Amino acid sequence: MEASLPQIVADHYVDLWNEPDGAKRRAAVERLWAPNGTHYVGMREARGYEALMQRVTGSHDKNVRDGGYRFRAVSDANELRDVVTFHWEMIEPGTGRVAATGLEVLLLDAAQKIRVDYQFIVS
C-alpha cells in the first residue's frame, strides 16, 4: 500500500532528524521548509535555513549521534487544507522502547513546503 502525501511528508520530516550527513541534512531542510520557514518548540524559535540547520543539528547531535536514539514517524499523518499533523517517537537504543513522543503541526505553503512547524513534546 502506497503512503499518503501527509505520511510521506511526516516520514521525510522525521528522516531529517536522523540524518548523519550534514550536507544531506541541509538539502533536506531546504527541500522541506520554505526559505523563511519557522520551527517552534517550547520557547525556542528557528526561522530560516541557517537557524533551522542549527536546531536540527543540535537535536541530532544530542539525541542521535551522542544518545543513540532514533526518531520515527507514527503512521497517523493527516492533512486538512494546508495543515499536516502527525506524531513521532524517539526510540531508545538497544531496547526499542519509546523514550519520548511528540506532535507536529505543519502549515504548508502552495508549494507544499513548511511555512510554520509547531512541535509539541507530548511525553
PDB file of N, CA and C in Angstrom:
ATOM      1  N   MET A   1       0.838  -1.177   0.000  1.00  0.00           N
ATOM      2  CA  MET A   1       0.000   0.000   0.000  1.00  0.00           C
ATOM      3  C   MET A   1       0.883   1.240   0.000  1.00  0.00           C
ATOM      4  N   GLU A   2       0.596   2.161  -0.882  1.00  0.00           N
ATOM      5  CA  GLU A   2       1.385   3.385  -1.009  1.00  0.00           C
ATOM      6  C   GLU A   2       1.006   4.375   0.091  1.00  0.00           C
ATOM      7  N   ALA A   3       2.006   5.047   0.652  1.00  0.00           N
ATOM      8  CA  ALA A   3       1.757   6.029   1.708  1.00  0.00           C
ATOM      9  C   ALA A   3       1.051   7.253   1.147  1.00  0.00           C
ATOM     10  N   SER A   4       0.239   7.886   1.971  1.00  0.00           N
ATOM     11  CA  SER A   4      -0.457   9.115   1.591  1.00  0.00           C
ATOM     12  C   SER A   4       0.529  10.282   1.588  1.00  0.00           C
ATOM     13  N   LEU A   5       0.174  11.358   0.908  1.00  0.00           N
ATOM     14  CA  LEU A   5       1.041  12.541   0.872  1.00  0.00           C
ATOM     15  C   LEU A   5       1.383  13.036   2.276  1.00  0.00           C
ATOM     16  N   PRO A   6       0.411  13.167   3.194  1.00  0.00           N
ATOM     17  CA  PRO A   6       0.802  13.621   4.531  1.00  0.00           C
ATOM     18  C   PRO A   6       1.766  12.658   5.229  1.00  0.00           C
ATOM     19  N   GLN A   7       1.619  11.354   5.008  1.00  0.00           N
ATOM     20  CA  GLN A   7       2.534  10.404   5.641  1.00  0.00           C
ATOM     21  C   GLN A   7       3.915  10.487   5.020  1.00  0.00           C
ATOM     22  N   ILE A   8       3.985  10.750   3.725  1.00  0.00           N
ATOM     23  CA  ILE A   8       5.282  10.940   3.069  1.00  0.00           C
ATOM     24  C   ILE A   8       5.983  12.171   3.660  1.00  0.00           C
ATOM     25  N   VAL A   9       5.235  13.251   3.849  1.00  0.00           N
ATOM     26  CA  VAL A   9       5.791  14.458   4.479  1.00  0.00           C
ATOM     27  C   VAL A   9       6.306  14.111   5.878  1.00  0.00           C
ATOM     28  N   ALA A  10       5.510  13.383   6.653  1.00  0.00           N
ATOM     29  CA  ALA A  10       5.897  13.007   8.014  1.00  0.00           C
ATOM     30  C   ALA A  10       7.167  12.151   8.004  1.00  0.00           C
ATOM     31  N   ASP A  11       7.213  11.169   7.118  1.00  0.00           N
ATOM     32  CA  ASP A  11       8.385  10.291   7.051  1.00  0.00           C
ATOM     33  C   ASP A  11       9.645  11.053   6.659  1.00  0.00           C
ATOM     34  N   HIS A  12       9.541  11.939   5.673  1.00  0.00           N
ATOM     35  CA  HIS A  12      10.703  12.738   5.259  1.00  0.00           C
ATOM     36  C   HIS A  12      11.135  13.692   6.366  1.00  0.00           C
ATOM     37  N   TYR A  13      10.167  14.270   7.054  1.00  0.00           N
ATOM     38  CA  TYR A  13      10.459  15.187   8.157  1.00  0.00           C
ATOM     39  C   TYR A  13      11.267  14.451   9.236  1.00  0.00           C
ATOM     40  N   VAL A  14      10.793  13.290   9.650  1.00  0.00           N
ATOM     41  CA  VAL A  14      11.470  12.547  10.712  1.00  0.00           C
ATOM     42  C   VAL A  14      12.826  12.021  10.244  1.00  0.00           C
ATOM     43  N   ASP A  15      12.913  11.582   8.990  1.00  0.00           N
ATOM     44  CA  ASP A  15      14.197  11.126   8.455  1.00  0.00           C
ATOM     45  C   ASP A  15      15.271  12.209   8.583  1.00  0.00           C
ATOM     46  N   LEU A  16      14.874  13.447   8.407  1.00  0.00           N
ATOM     47  CA  LEU A  16      15.807  14.572   8.517  1.00  0.00           C
ATOM     48  C   LEU A  16      16.506  14.587   9.873  1.00  0.00           C
ATOM     49  N   TRP A  17      15.767  14.355  10.942  1.00  0.00           N
ATOM     50  CA  TRP A  17      16.328  14.443  12.293  1.00  0.00           C
ATOM     51  C   TRP A  17      17.286  13.283  12.580  1.00  0.00           C
ATOM     52  N   ASN A  18      17.200  12.208  11.799  1.00  0.00           N
ATOM     53  CA  ASN A  18      18.107  11.067  11.949  1.00  0.00           C
ATOM     54  C   ASN A  18      19.328  11.153  11.031  1.00  0.00           C
ATOM     55  N   GLU A  19      19.316  12.038  10.062  1.00  0.00           N
ATOM     56  CA  GLU A  19      20.341  12.095   9.014  1.00  0.00           C
ATOM     57  C   GLU A  19      21.715  12.471   9.584  1.00  0.00           C
ATOM     58  N   PRO A  20      22.724  11.578   9.449  1.00  0.00           N
ATOM     59  CA  PRO A  20      24.051  11.867   9.993  1.00  0.00           C
ATOM     60  C   PRO A  20      24.891  12.806   9.126  1.00  0.00           C
ATOM     61  N   ASP A  21      24.621  12.881   7.845  1.00  0.00           N
ATOM     62  CA  ASP A  21      25.427  13.684   6.925  1.00  0.00           C
ATOM     63  C   ASP A  21      24.921  15.128   6.888  1.00  0.00           C
ATOM     64  N   GLY A  22      25.786  16.067   7.241  1.00  0.00           N
ATOM     65  CA  GLY A  22      25.404  17.477   7.296  1.00  0.00           C
ATOM     66  C   GLY A  22      24.922  18.038   5.975  1.00  0.00           C
ATOM     67  N   ALA A  23      25.561  17.665   4.874  1.00  0.00           N
ATOM     68  CA  ALA A  23      25.157  18.168   3.558  1.00  0.00           C
ATOM     69  C   ALA A  23      23.777  17.631   3.173  1.00  0.00           C
ATOM     70  N   LYS A  24      23.529  16.353   3.460  1.00  0.00           N
ATOM     71  CA  LYS A  24      22.214  15.774   3.172  1.00  0.00           C
ATOM     72  C   LYS A  24      21.149  16.386   4.078  1.00  0.00           C
ATOM     73  N   ARG A  25      21.532  16.660   5.326  1.00  0.00           N
ATOM     74  CA  ARG A  25      20.612  17.294   6.262  1.00  0.00           C
ATOM     75  C   ARG A  25      20.229  18.686   5.750  1.00  0.00           C
ATOM     76  N   ARG A  26      21.218  19.442   5.270  1.00  0.00           N
ATOM     77  CA  ARG A  26      20.968  20.780   4.726  1.00  0.00           C
ATOM     78  C   ARG A  26      20.032  20.695   3.517  1.00  0.00           C
ATOM     79  N   ALA A  27      20.292  19.752   2.619  1.00  0.00           N
ATOM     80  CA  ALA A  27      19.444  19.585   1.436  1.00  0.00           C
ATOM     81  C   ALA A  27      18.009  19.249   1.849  1.00  0.00           C
ATOM     82  N   ALA A  28      17.861  18.418   2.879  1.00  0.00           N
ATOM     83  CA  ALA A  28      16.525  18.051   3.352  1.00  0.00           C
ATOM     84  C   ALA A  28      15.803  19.252   3.970  1.00  0.00           C
ATOM     85  N   VAL A  29      16.529  20.075   4.718  1.00  0.00           N
ATOM     86  CA  VAL A  29      15.924  21.293   5.282  1.00  0.00           C
ATOM     87  C   VAL A  29      15.402  22.163   4.147  1.00  0.00           C
ATOM     88  N   GLU A  30      16.201  22.357   3.119  1.00  0.00           N
ATOM     89  CA  GLU A  30      15.783  23.207   2.000  1.00  0.00           C
ATOM     90  C   GLU A  30      14.655  22.576   1.185  1.00  0.00           C
ATOM     91  N   ARG A  31      14.615  21.268   1.152  1.00  0.00           N
ATOM     92  CA  ARG A  31      13.542  20.569   0.425  1.00  0.00           C
ATOM     93  C   ARG A  31      12.225  20.627   1.207  1.00  0.00           C
ATOM     94  N   LEU A  32      12.303  20.573   2.543  1.00  0.00           N
ATOM     95  CA  LEU A  32      11.095  20.528   3.366  1.00  0.00           C
ATOM     96  C   LEU A  32      10.521  21.896   3.709  1.00  0.00           C
ATOM     97  N   TRP A  33      11.379  22.876   4.028  1.00  0.00           N
ATOM     98  CA  TRP A  33      10.919  24.167   4.512  1.00  0.00           C
ATOM     99  C   TRP A  33      10.981  25.241   3.432  1.00  0.00           C
ATOM    100  N   ALA A  34      10.089  26.192   3.531  1.00  0.00           N
ATOM    101  CA  ALA A  34      10.174  27.421   2.746  1.00  0.00           C
ATOM    102  C   ALA A  34      11.387  28.198   3.267  1.00  0.00           C
ATOM    103  N   PRO A  35      11.982  29.077   2.441  1.00  0.00           N
ATOM    104  CA  PRO A  35      13.197  29.789   2.869  1.00  0.00           C
ATOM    105  C   PRO A  35      13.063  30.528   4.201  1.00  0.00           C
ATOM    106  N   ASN A  36      11.900  31.072   4.491  1.00  0.00           N
ATOM    107  CA  ASN A  36      11.700  31.792   5.749  1.00  0.00           C
ATOM    108  C   ASN A  36      10.843  30.966   6.707  1.00  0.00           C
ATOM    109  N   GLY A  37      10.844  29.638   6.517  1.00  0.00           N
ATOM    110  CA  GLY A  37      10.054  28.759   7.374  1.00  0.00           C
ATOM    111  C   GLY A  37      10.490  28.862   8.825  1.00  0.00           C
ATOM    112  N   THR A  38       9.540  28.597   9.718  1.00  0.00           N
ATOM    113  CA  THR A  38       9.790  28.747  11.147  1.00  0.00           C
ATOM    114  C   THR A  38       9.434  27.468  11.885  1.00  0.00           C
ATOM    115  N   HIS A  39      10.262  27.136  12.862  1.00  0.00           N
ATOM    116  CA  HIS A  39      10.046  25.967  13.732  1.00  0.00           C
ATOM    117  C   HIS A  39       9.932  26.492  15.158  1.00  0.00           C
ATOM    118  N   TYR A  40       8.866  26.076  15.845  1.00  0.00           N
ATOM    119  CA  TYR A  40       8.665  26.447  17.245  1.00  0.00           C
ATOM    120  C   TYR A  40       8.607  25.183  18.093  1.00  0.00           C
ATOM    121  N   VAL A  41       9.341  25.183  19.186  1.00  0.00           N
ATOM    122  CA  VAL A  41       9.227  24.139  20.199  1.00  0.00           C
ATOM    123  C   VAL A  41       9.479  24.805  21.545  1.00  0.00           C
ATOM    124  N   GLY A  42       8.520  24.664  22.464  1.00  0.00           N
ATOM    125  CA  GLY A  42       8.633  25.355  23.746  1.00  0.00           C
ATOM    126  C   GLY A  42       8.828  26.844  23.517  1.00  0.00           C
ATOM    127  N   MET A  43       9.855  27.400  24.128  1.00  0.00           N
ATOM    128  CA  MET A  43      10.151  28.829  23.978  1.00  0.00           C
ATOM    129  C   MET A  43      11.145  29.102  22.855  1.00  0.00           C
ATOM    130  N   ARG A  44      11.600  28.049  22.177  1.00  0.00           N
ATOM    131  CA  ARG A  44      12.586  28.207  21.106  1.00  0.00           C
ATOM    132  C   ARG A  44      11.919  28.477  19.769  1.00  0.00           C
ATOM    133  N   GLU A  45      12.610  29.265  18.958  1.00  0.00           N
ATOM    134  CA  GLU A  45      12.158  29.583  17.606  1.00  0.00           C
ATOM    135  C   GLU A  45      13.355  29.527  16.669  1.00  0.00           C
ATOM    136  N   ALA A  46      13.163  28.865  15.531  1.00  0.00           N
ATOM    137  CA  ALA A  46      14.196  28.830  14.488  1.00  0.00           C
ATOM    138  C   ALA A  46      13.533  29.291  13.200  1.00  0.00           C
ATOM    139  N   ARG A  47      14.068  30.376  12.603  1.00  0.00           N
ATOM    140  CA  ARG A  47      13.483  30.935  11.381  1.00  0.00           C
ATOM    141  C   ARG A  47      14.555  31.009  10.301  1.00  0.00           C
ATOM    142  N   GLY A  48      14.249  30.424   9.136  1.00  0.00           N
ATOM    143  CA  GLY A  48      15.183  30.444   8.016  1.00  0.00           C
ATOM    144  C   GLY A  48      16.120  29.256   8.059  1.00  0.00           C
ATOM    145  N   TYR A  49      16.741  28.990   6.911  1.00  0.00           N
ATOM    146  CA  TYR A  49      17.547  27.782   6.763  1.00  0.00           C
ATOM    147  C   TYR A  49      18.695  27.675   7.766  1.00  0.00           C
ATOM    148  N   GLU A  50      19.399  28.759   8.048  1.00  0.00           N
ATOM    149  CA  GLU A  50      20.545  28.677   8.966  1.00  0.00           C
ATOM    150  C   GLU A  50      20.087  28.305  10.372  1.00  0.00           C
ATOM    151  N   ALA A  51      19.048  28.962  10.855  1.00  0.00           N
ATOM    152  CA  ALA A  51      18.537  28.670  12.199  1.00  0.00           C
ATOM    153  C   ALA A  51      17.931  27.269  12.261  1.00  0.00           C
ATOM    154  N   LEU A  52      17.240  26.862  11.199  1.00  0.00           N
ATOM    155  CA  LEU A  52      16.678  25.508  11.156  1.00  0.00           C
ATOM    156  C   LEU A  52      17.792  24.469  11.193  1.00  0.00           C
ATOM    157  N   MET A  53      18.872  24.713  10.441  1.00  0.00           N
ATOM    158  CA  MET A  53      20.013  23.791  10.463  1.00  0.00           C
ATOM    159  C   MET A  53      20.608  23.693  11.868  1.00  0.00           C
ATOM    160  N   GLN A  54      20.738  24.803  12.557  1.00  0.00           N
ATOM    161  CA  GLN A  54      21.268  24.780  13.922  1.00  0.00           C
ATOM    162  C   GLN A  54      20.362  23.963  14.831  1.00  0.00           C
ATOM    163  N   ARG A  55      19.059  24.156  14.696  1.00  0.00           N
ATOM    164  CA  ARG A  55      18.096  23.438  15.533  1.00  0.00           C
ATOM    165  C   ARG A  55      18.149  21.933  15.265  1.00  0.00           C
ATOM    166  N   VAL A  56      18.078  21.548  13.996  1.00  0.00           N
ATOM    167  CA  VAL A  56      18.074  20.128  13.645  1.00  0.00           C
ATOM    168  C   VAL A  56      19.412  19.477  14.012  1.00  0.00           C
ATOM    169  N   THR A  57      20.508  20.145  13.709  1.00  0.00           N
ATOM    170  CA  THR A  57      21.829  19.592  14.007  1.00  0.00           C
ATOM    171  C   THR A  57      22.024  19.449  15.508  1.00  0.00           C
ATOM    172  N   GLY A  58      21.588  20.431  16.283  1.00  0.00           N
ATOM    173  CA  GLY A  58      21.702  20.338  17.743  1.00  0.00           C
ATOM    174  C   GLY A  58      20.939  19.144  18.290  1.00  0.00           C
ATOM    175  N   SER A  59      19.727  18.950  17.815  1.00  0.00           N
ATOM    176  CA  SER A  59      18.925  17.806  18.248  1.00  0.00           C
ATOM    177  C   SER A  59      19.562  16.492  17.798  1.00  0.00           C
ATOM    178  N   HIS A  60      20.008  16.459  16.538  1.00  0.00           N
ATOM    179  CA  HIS A  60      20.646  15.246  16.020  1.00  0.00           C
ATOM    180  C   HIS A  60      21.874  14.884  16.846  1.00  0.00           C
ATOM    181  N   ASP A  61      22.740  15.859  17.072  1.00  0.00           N
ATOM    182  CA  ASP A  61      23.984  15.590  17.799  1.00  0.00           C
ATOM    183  C   ASP A  61      23.695  15.071  19.210  1.00  0.00           C
ATOM    184  N   LYS A  62      22.763  15.700  19.900  1.00  0.00           N
ATOM    185  CA  LYS A  62      22.434  15.312  21.275  1.00  0.00           C
ATOM    186  C   LYS A  62      21.733  13.957  21.332  1.00  0.00           C
ATOM    187  N   ASN A  63      20.713  13.777  20.517  1.00  0.00           N
ATOM    188  CA  ASN A  63      19.856  12.599  20.650  1.00  0.00           C
ATOM    189  C   ASN A  63      20.298  11.399  19.812  1.00  0.00           C
ATOM    190  N   VAL A  64      20.681  11.634  18.566  1.00  0.00           N
ATOM    191  CA  VAL A  64      21.003  10.529  17.655  1.00  0.00           C
ATOM    192  C   VAL A  64      22.490  10.177  17.729  1.00  0.00           C
ATOM    193  N   ARG A  65      23.346  11.156  17.431  1.00  0.00           N
ATOM    194  CA  ARG A  65      24.785  10.881  17.409  1.00  0.00           C
ATOM    195  C   ARG A  65      25.302  10.473  18.790  1.00  0.00           C
ATOM    196  N   ASP A  66      25.036  11.288  19.807  1.00  0.00           N
ATOM    197  CA  ASP A  66      25.583  11.030  21.140  1.00  0.00           C
ATOM    198  C   ASP A  66      24.711  10.087  21.971  1.00  0.00           C
ATOM    199  N   GLY A  67      23.398  10.201  21.836  1.00  0.00           N
ATOM    200  CA  GLY A  67      22.489   9.403  22.663  1.00  0.00           C
ATOM    201  C   GLY A  67      22.116   8.053  22.084  1.00  0.00           C
ATOM    202  N   GLY A  68      22.323   7.880  20.760  1.00  0.00           N
ATOM    203  CA  GLY A  68      21.988   6.611  20.132  1.00  0.00           C
ATOM    204  C   GLY A  68      20.510   6.414  19.841  1.00  0.00           C
ATOM    205  N   TYR A  69      19.700   7.423  20.118  1.00  0.00           N
ATOM    206  CA  TYR A  69      18.264   7.332  19.853  1.00  0.00           C
ATOM    207  C   TYR A  69      17.993   7.432  18.357  1.00  0.00           C
ATOM    208  N   ARG A  70      16.798   6.989  17.943  1.00  0.00           N
ATOM    209  CA  ARG A  70      16.310   7.148  16.572  1.00  0.00           C
ATOM    210  C   ARG A  70      14.908   7.721  16.659  1.00  0.00           C
ATOM    211  N   PHE A  71      14.578   8.532  15.700  1.00  0.00           N
ATOM    212  CA  PHE A  71      13.221   9.067  15.608  1.00  0.00           C
ATOM    213  C   PHE A  71      12.459   8.297  14.536  1.00  0.00           C
ATOM    214  N   ARG A  72      11.168   8.118  14.748  1.00  0.00           N
ATOM    215  CA  ARG A  72      10.322   7.506  13.724  1.00  0.00           C
ATOM    216  C   ARG A  72       8.956   8.186  13.732  1.00  0.00           C
ATOM    217  N   ALA A  73       8.391   8.284  12.554  1.00  0.00           N
ATOM    218  CA  ALA A  73       7.053   8.848  12.405  1.00  0.00           C
ATOM    219  C   ALA A  73       6.029   7.763  12.710  1.00  0.00           C
ATOM    220  N   VAL A  74       5.005   8.125  13.447  1.00  0.00           N
ATOM    221  CA  VAL A  74       3.871   7.232  13.656  1.00  0.00           C
ATOM    222  C   VAL A  74       3.039   7.291  12.377  1.00  0.00           C
ATOM    223  N   SER A  75       2.377   6.218  12.044  1.00  0.00           N
ATOM    224  CA  SER A  75       1.571   6.167  10.809  1.00  0.00           C
ATOM    225  C   SER A  75       0.180   6.757  11.038  1.00  0.00           C
ATOM    226  N   ASP A  76       0.159   8.031  11.448  1.00  0.00           N
ATOM    227  CA  ASP A  76      -1.126   8.677  11.723  1.00  0.00           C
ATOM    228  C   ASP A  76      -1.232  10.065  11.090  1.00  0.00           C
ATOM    229  N   ALA A  77      -0.417  10.332  10.078  1.00  0.00           N
ATOM    230  CA  ALA A  77      -0.399  11.667   9.470  1.00  0.00           C
ATOM    231  C   ALA A  77      -1.752  11.992   8.834  1.00  0.00           C
ATOM    232  N   ASN A  78      -2.178  13.228   9.038  1.00  0.00           N
ATOM    233  CA  ASN A  78      -3.427  13.730   8.479  1.00  0.00           C
ATOM    234  C   ASN A  78      -3.178  15.066   7.814  1.00  0.00           C
ATOM    235  N   GLU A  79      -4.041  15.387   6.866  1.00  0.00           N
ATOM    236  CA  GLU A  79      -3.947  16.661   6.160  1.00  0.00           C
ATOM    237  C   GLU A  79      -5.336  17.285   6.090  1.00  0.00           C
ATOM    238  N   LEU A  80      -5.401  18.562   6.367  1.00  0.00           N
ATOM    239  CA  LEU A  80      -6.621  19.336   6.196  1.00  0.00           C
ATOM    240  C   LEU A  80      -6.208  20.673   5.603  1.00  0.00           C
ATOM    241  N   ARG A  81      -6.575  20.873   4.360  1.00  0.00           N
ATOM    242  CA  ARG A  81      -6.188  22.071   3.608  1.00  0.00           C
ATOM    243  C   ARG A  81      -4.671  22.213   3.588  1.00  0.00           C
ATOM    244  N   ASP A  82      -4.131  23.222   4.261  1.00  0.00           N
ATOM    245  CA  ASP A  82      -2.682  23.447   4.240  1.00  0.00           C
ATOM    246  C   ASP A  82      -1.988  23.009   5.533  1.00  0.00           C
ATOM    247  N   VAL A  83      -2.651  22.141   6.303  1.00  0.00           N
ATOM    248  CA  VAL A  83      -2.103  21.696   7.584  1.00  0.00           C
ATOM    249  C   VAL A  83      -1.883  20.183   7.555  1.00  0.00           C
ATOM    250  N   VAL A  84      -0.681  19.760   7.995  1.00  0.00           N
ATOM    251  CA  VAL A  84      -0.364  18.341   8.173  1.00  0.00           C
ATOM    252  C   VAL A  84      -0.032  18.141   9.643  1.00  0.00           C
ATOM    253  N   THR A  85      -0.626  17.102  10.232  1.00  0.00           N
ATOM    254  CA  THR A  85      -0.306  16.739  11.619  1.00  0.00           C
ATOM    255  C   THR A  85       0.149  15.293  11.661  1.00  0.00           C
ATOM    256  N   PHE A  86       1.034  14.999  12.594  1.00  0.00           N
ATOM    257  CA  PHE A  86       1.467  13.614  12.833  1.00  0.00           C
ATOM    258  C   PHE A  86       2.203  13.549  14.157  1.00  0.00           C
ATOM    259  N   HIS A  87       2.269  12.343  14.682  1.00  0.00           N
ATOM    260  CA  HIS A  87       3.046  12.079  15.889  1.00  0.00           C
ATOM    261  C   HIS A  87       4.367  11.424  15.505  1.00  0.00           C
ATOM    262  N   TRP A  88       5.345  11.589  16.364  1.00  0.00           N
ATOM    263  CA  TRP A  88       6.635  10.927  16.195  1.00  0.00           C
ATOM    264  C   TRP A  88       7.048  10.317  17.531  1.00  0.00           C
ATOM    265  N   GLU A  89       7.981   9.385  17.448  1.00  0.00           N
ATOM    266  CA  GLU A  89       8.508   8.731  18.637  1.00  0.00           C
ATOM    267  C   GLU A  89      10.028   8.758  18.606  1.00  0.00           C
ATOM    268  N   MET A  90      10.624   8.905  19.789  1.00  0.00           N
ATOM    269  CA  MET A  90      12.071   8.790  19.940  1.00  0.00           C
ATOM    270  C   MET A  90      12.325   7.427  20.585  1.00  0.00           C
ATOM    271  N   ILE A  91      13.076   6.578  19.859  1.00  0.00           N
ATOM    272  CA  ILE A  91      13.266   5.183  20.256  1.00  0.00           C
ATOM    273  C   ILE A  91      14.596   5.000  20.991  1.00  0.00           C
ATOM    274  N   GLU A  92      14.515   4.365  22.135  1.00  0.00           N
ATOM    275  CA  GLU A  92      15.678   4.113  22.992  1.00  0.00           C
ATOM    276  C   GLU A  92      16.621   3.095  22.338  1.00  0.00           C
ATOM    277  N   PRO A  93      17.916   3.367  22.384  1.00  0.00           N
ATOM    278  CA  PRO A  93      18.860   2.409  21.781  1.00  0.00           C
ATOM    279  C   PRO A  93      18.863   1.077  22.530  1.00  0.00           C
ATOM    280  N   GLY A  94      18.977   0.006  21.779  1.00  0.00           N
ATOM    281  CA  GLY A  94      19.081  -1.323  22.387  1.00  0.00           C
ATOM    282  C   GLY A  94      17.758  -1.952  22.787  1.00  0.00           C
ATOM    283  N   THR A  95      16.867  -1.172  23.398  1.00  0.00           N
ATOM    284  CA  THR A  95      15.622  -1.754  23.913  1.00  0.00           C
ATOM    285  C   THR A  95      14.465  -1.613  22.926  1.00  0.00           C
ATOM    286  N   GLY A  96      14.514  -0.581  22.074  1.00  0.00           N
ATOM    287  CA  GLY A  96      13.404  -0.314  21.168  1.00  0.00           C
ATOM    288  C   GLY A  96      12.217   0.342  21.851  1.00  0.00           C
ATOM    289  N   ARG A  97      12.354   0.678  23.127  1.00  0.00           N
ATOM    290  CA  ARG A  97      11.256   1.339  23.849  1.00  0.00           C
ATOM    291  C   ARG A  97      11.127   2.790  23.420  1.00  0.00           C
ATOM    292  N   VAL A  98       9.931   3.289  23.525  1.00  0.00           N
ATOM    293  CA  VAL A  98       9.659   4.685  23.205  1.00  0.00           C
ATOM    294  C   VAL A  98      10.076   5.537  24.398  1.00  0.00           C
ATOM    295  N   ALA A  99      11.049   6.418  24.175  1.00  0.00           N
ATOM    296  CA  ALA A  99      11.565   7.280  25.239  1.00  0.00           C
ATOM    297  C   ALA A  99      10.838   8.619  25.290  1.00  0.00           C
ATOM    298  N   ALA A 100      10.302   9.042  24.153  1.00  0.00           N
ATOM    299  CA  ALA A 100       9.581  10.319  24.092  1.00  0.00           C
ATOM    300  C   ALA A 100       8.656  10.290  22.889  1.00  0.00           C
ATOM    301  N   THR A 101       7.606  11.089  22.967  1.00  0.00           N
ATOM    302  CA  THR A 101       6.675  11.233  21.842  1.00  0.00           C
ATOM    303  C   THR A 101       6.406  12.708  21.615  1.00  0.00           C
ATOM    304  N   GLY A 102       6.043  13.028  20.384  1.00  0.00           N
ATOM    305  CA  GLY A 102       5.734  14.405  20.069  1.00  0.00           C
ATOM    306  C   GLY A 102       4.649  14.494  19.018  1.00  0.00           C
ATOM    307  N   LEU A 103       4.138  15.695  18.859  1.00  0.00           N
ATOM    308  CA  LEU A 103       3.120  16.003  17.857  1.00  0.00           C
ATOM    309  C   LEU A 103       3.629  17.157  17.016  1.00  0.00           C
ATOM    310  N   GLU A 104       3.594  17.000  15.703  1.00  0.00           N
ATOM    311  CA  GLU A 104       3.956  18.072  14.776  1.00  0.00           C
ATOM    312  C   GLU A 104       2.686  18.610  14.134  1.00  0.00           C
ATOM    313  N   VAL A 105       2.622  19.920  14.057  1.00  0.00           N
ATOM    314  CA  VAL A 105       1.573  20.614  13.315  1.00  0.00           C
ATOM    315  C   VAL A 105       2.307  21.485  12.298  1.00  0.00           C
ATOM    316  N   LEU A 106       2.197  21.121  11.028  1.00  0.00           N
ATOM    317  CA  LEU A 106       2.915  21.814   9.958  1.00  0.00           C
ATOM    318  C   LEU A 106       1.931  22.599   9.109  1.00  0.00           C
ATOM    319  N   LEU A 107       2.222  23.876   8.903  1.00  0.00           N
ATOM    320  CA  LEU A 107       1.453  24.713   7.991  1.00  0.00           C
ATOM    321  C   LEU A 107       2.257  24.818   6.704  1.00  0.00           C
ATOM    322  N   LEU A 108       1.673  24.382   5.603  1.00  0.00           N
ATOM    323  CA  LEU A 108       2.383  24.318   4.328  1.00  0.00           C
ATOM    324  C   LEU A 108       2.014  25.482   3.424  1.00  0.00           C
ATOM    325  N   ASP A 109       2.947  25.848   2.543  1.00  0.00           N
ATOM    326  CA  ASP A 109       2.658  26.879   1.546  1.00  0.00           C
ATOM    327  C   ASP A 109       2.120  26.213   0.274  1.00  0.00           C
ATOM    328  N   ALA A 110       1.904  26.996  -0.767  1.00  0.00           N
ATOM    329  CA  ALA A 110       1.332  26.477  -2.013  1.00  0.00           C
ATOM    330  C   ALA A 110       2.235  25.443  -2.687  1.00  0.00           C
ATOM    331  N   ALA A 111       3.543  25.497  -2.412  1.00  0.00           N
ATOM    332  CA  ALA A 111       4.499  24.539  -2.983  1.00  0.00           C
ATOM    333  C   ALA A 111       4.672  23.306  -2.094  1.00  0.00           C
ATOM    334  N   GLN A 112       3.838  23.173  -1.063  1.00  0.00           N
ATOM    335  CA  GLN A 112       3.887  22.048  -0.123  1.00  0.00           C
ATOM    336  C   GLN A 112       5.145  22.062   0.746  1.00  0.00           C
ATOM    337  N   LYS A 113       5.707  23.266   0.968  1.00  0.00           N
ATOM    338  CA  LYS A 113       6.850  23.410   1.862  1.00  0.00           C
ATOM    339  C   LYS A 113       6.360  23.972   3.193  1.00  0.00           C
ATOM    340  N   ILE A 114       7.089  23.661   4.256  1.00  0.00           N
ATOM    341  CA  ILE A 114       6.691  24.072   5.602  1.00  0.00           C
ATOM    342  C   ILE A 114       6.890  25.573   5.775  1.00  0.00           C
ATOM    343  N   ARG A 115       5.809  26.267   6.081  1.00  0.00           N
ATOM    344  CA  ARG A 115       5.869  27.686   6.451  1.00  0.00           C
ATOM    345  C   ARG A 115       6.097  27.809   7.950  1.00  0.00           C
ATOM    346  N   VAL A 116       5.308  27.027   8.710  1.00  0.00           N
ATOM    347  CA  VAL A 116       5.376  27.056  10.167  1.00  0.00           C
ATOM    348  C   VAL A 116       5.308  25.625  10.674  1.00  0.00           C
ATOM    349  N   ASP A 117       6.173  25.323  11.634  1.00  0.00           N
ATOM    350  CA  ASP A 117       6.259  23.996  12.251  1.00  0.00           C
ATOM    351  C   ASP A 117       6.112  24.180  13.757  1.00  0.00           C
ATOM    352  N   TYR A 118       4.999  23.687  14.297  1.00  0.00           N
ATOM    353  CA  TYR A 118       4.778  23.702  15.743  1.00  0.00           C
ATOM    354  C   TYR A 118       5.074  22.304  16.263  1.00  0.00           C
ATOM    355  N   GLN A 119       6.071  22.191  17.126  1.00  0.00           N
ATOM    356  CA  GLN A 119       6.449  20.897  17.699  1.00  0.00           C
ATOM    357  C   GLN A 119       6.048  20.876  19.158  1.00  0.00           C
ATOM    358  N   PHE A 120       5.239  19.876  19.507  1.00  0.00           N
ATOM    359  CA  PHE A 120       4.793  19.693  20.884  1.00  0.00           C
ATOM    360  C   PHE A 120       5.414  18.403  21.406  1.00  0.00           C
ATOM    361  N   ILE A 121       6.106  18.490  22.534  1.00  0.00           N
ATOM    362  CA  ILE A 121       6.628  17.310  23.187  1.00  0.00           C
ATOM    363  C   ILE A 121       5.500  16.777  24.073  1.00  0.00           C
ATOM    364  N   VAL A 122       4.994  15.596  23.740  1.00  0.00           N
ATOM    365  CA  VAL A 122       3.830  15.044  24.440  1.00  0.00           C
ATOM    366  C   VAL A 122       4.265  14.307  25.712  1.00  0.00           C
ATOM    367  N   SER A 123       5.300  13.488  25.587  1.00  0.00           N
ATOM    368  CA  SER A 123       5.798  12.778  26.766  1.00  0.00           C
ATOM    369  C   SER A 123       7.289  12.513  26.631  1.00  0.00           C
TER     370      SER A 123
END
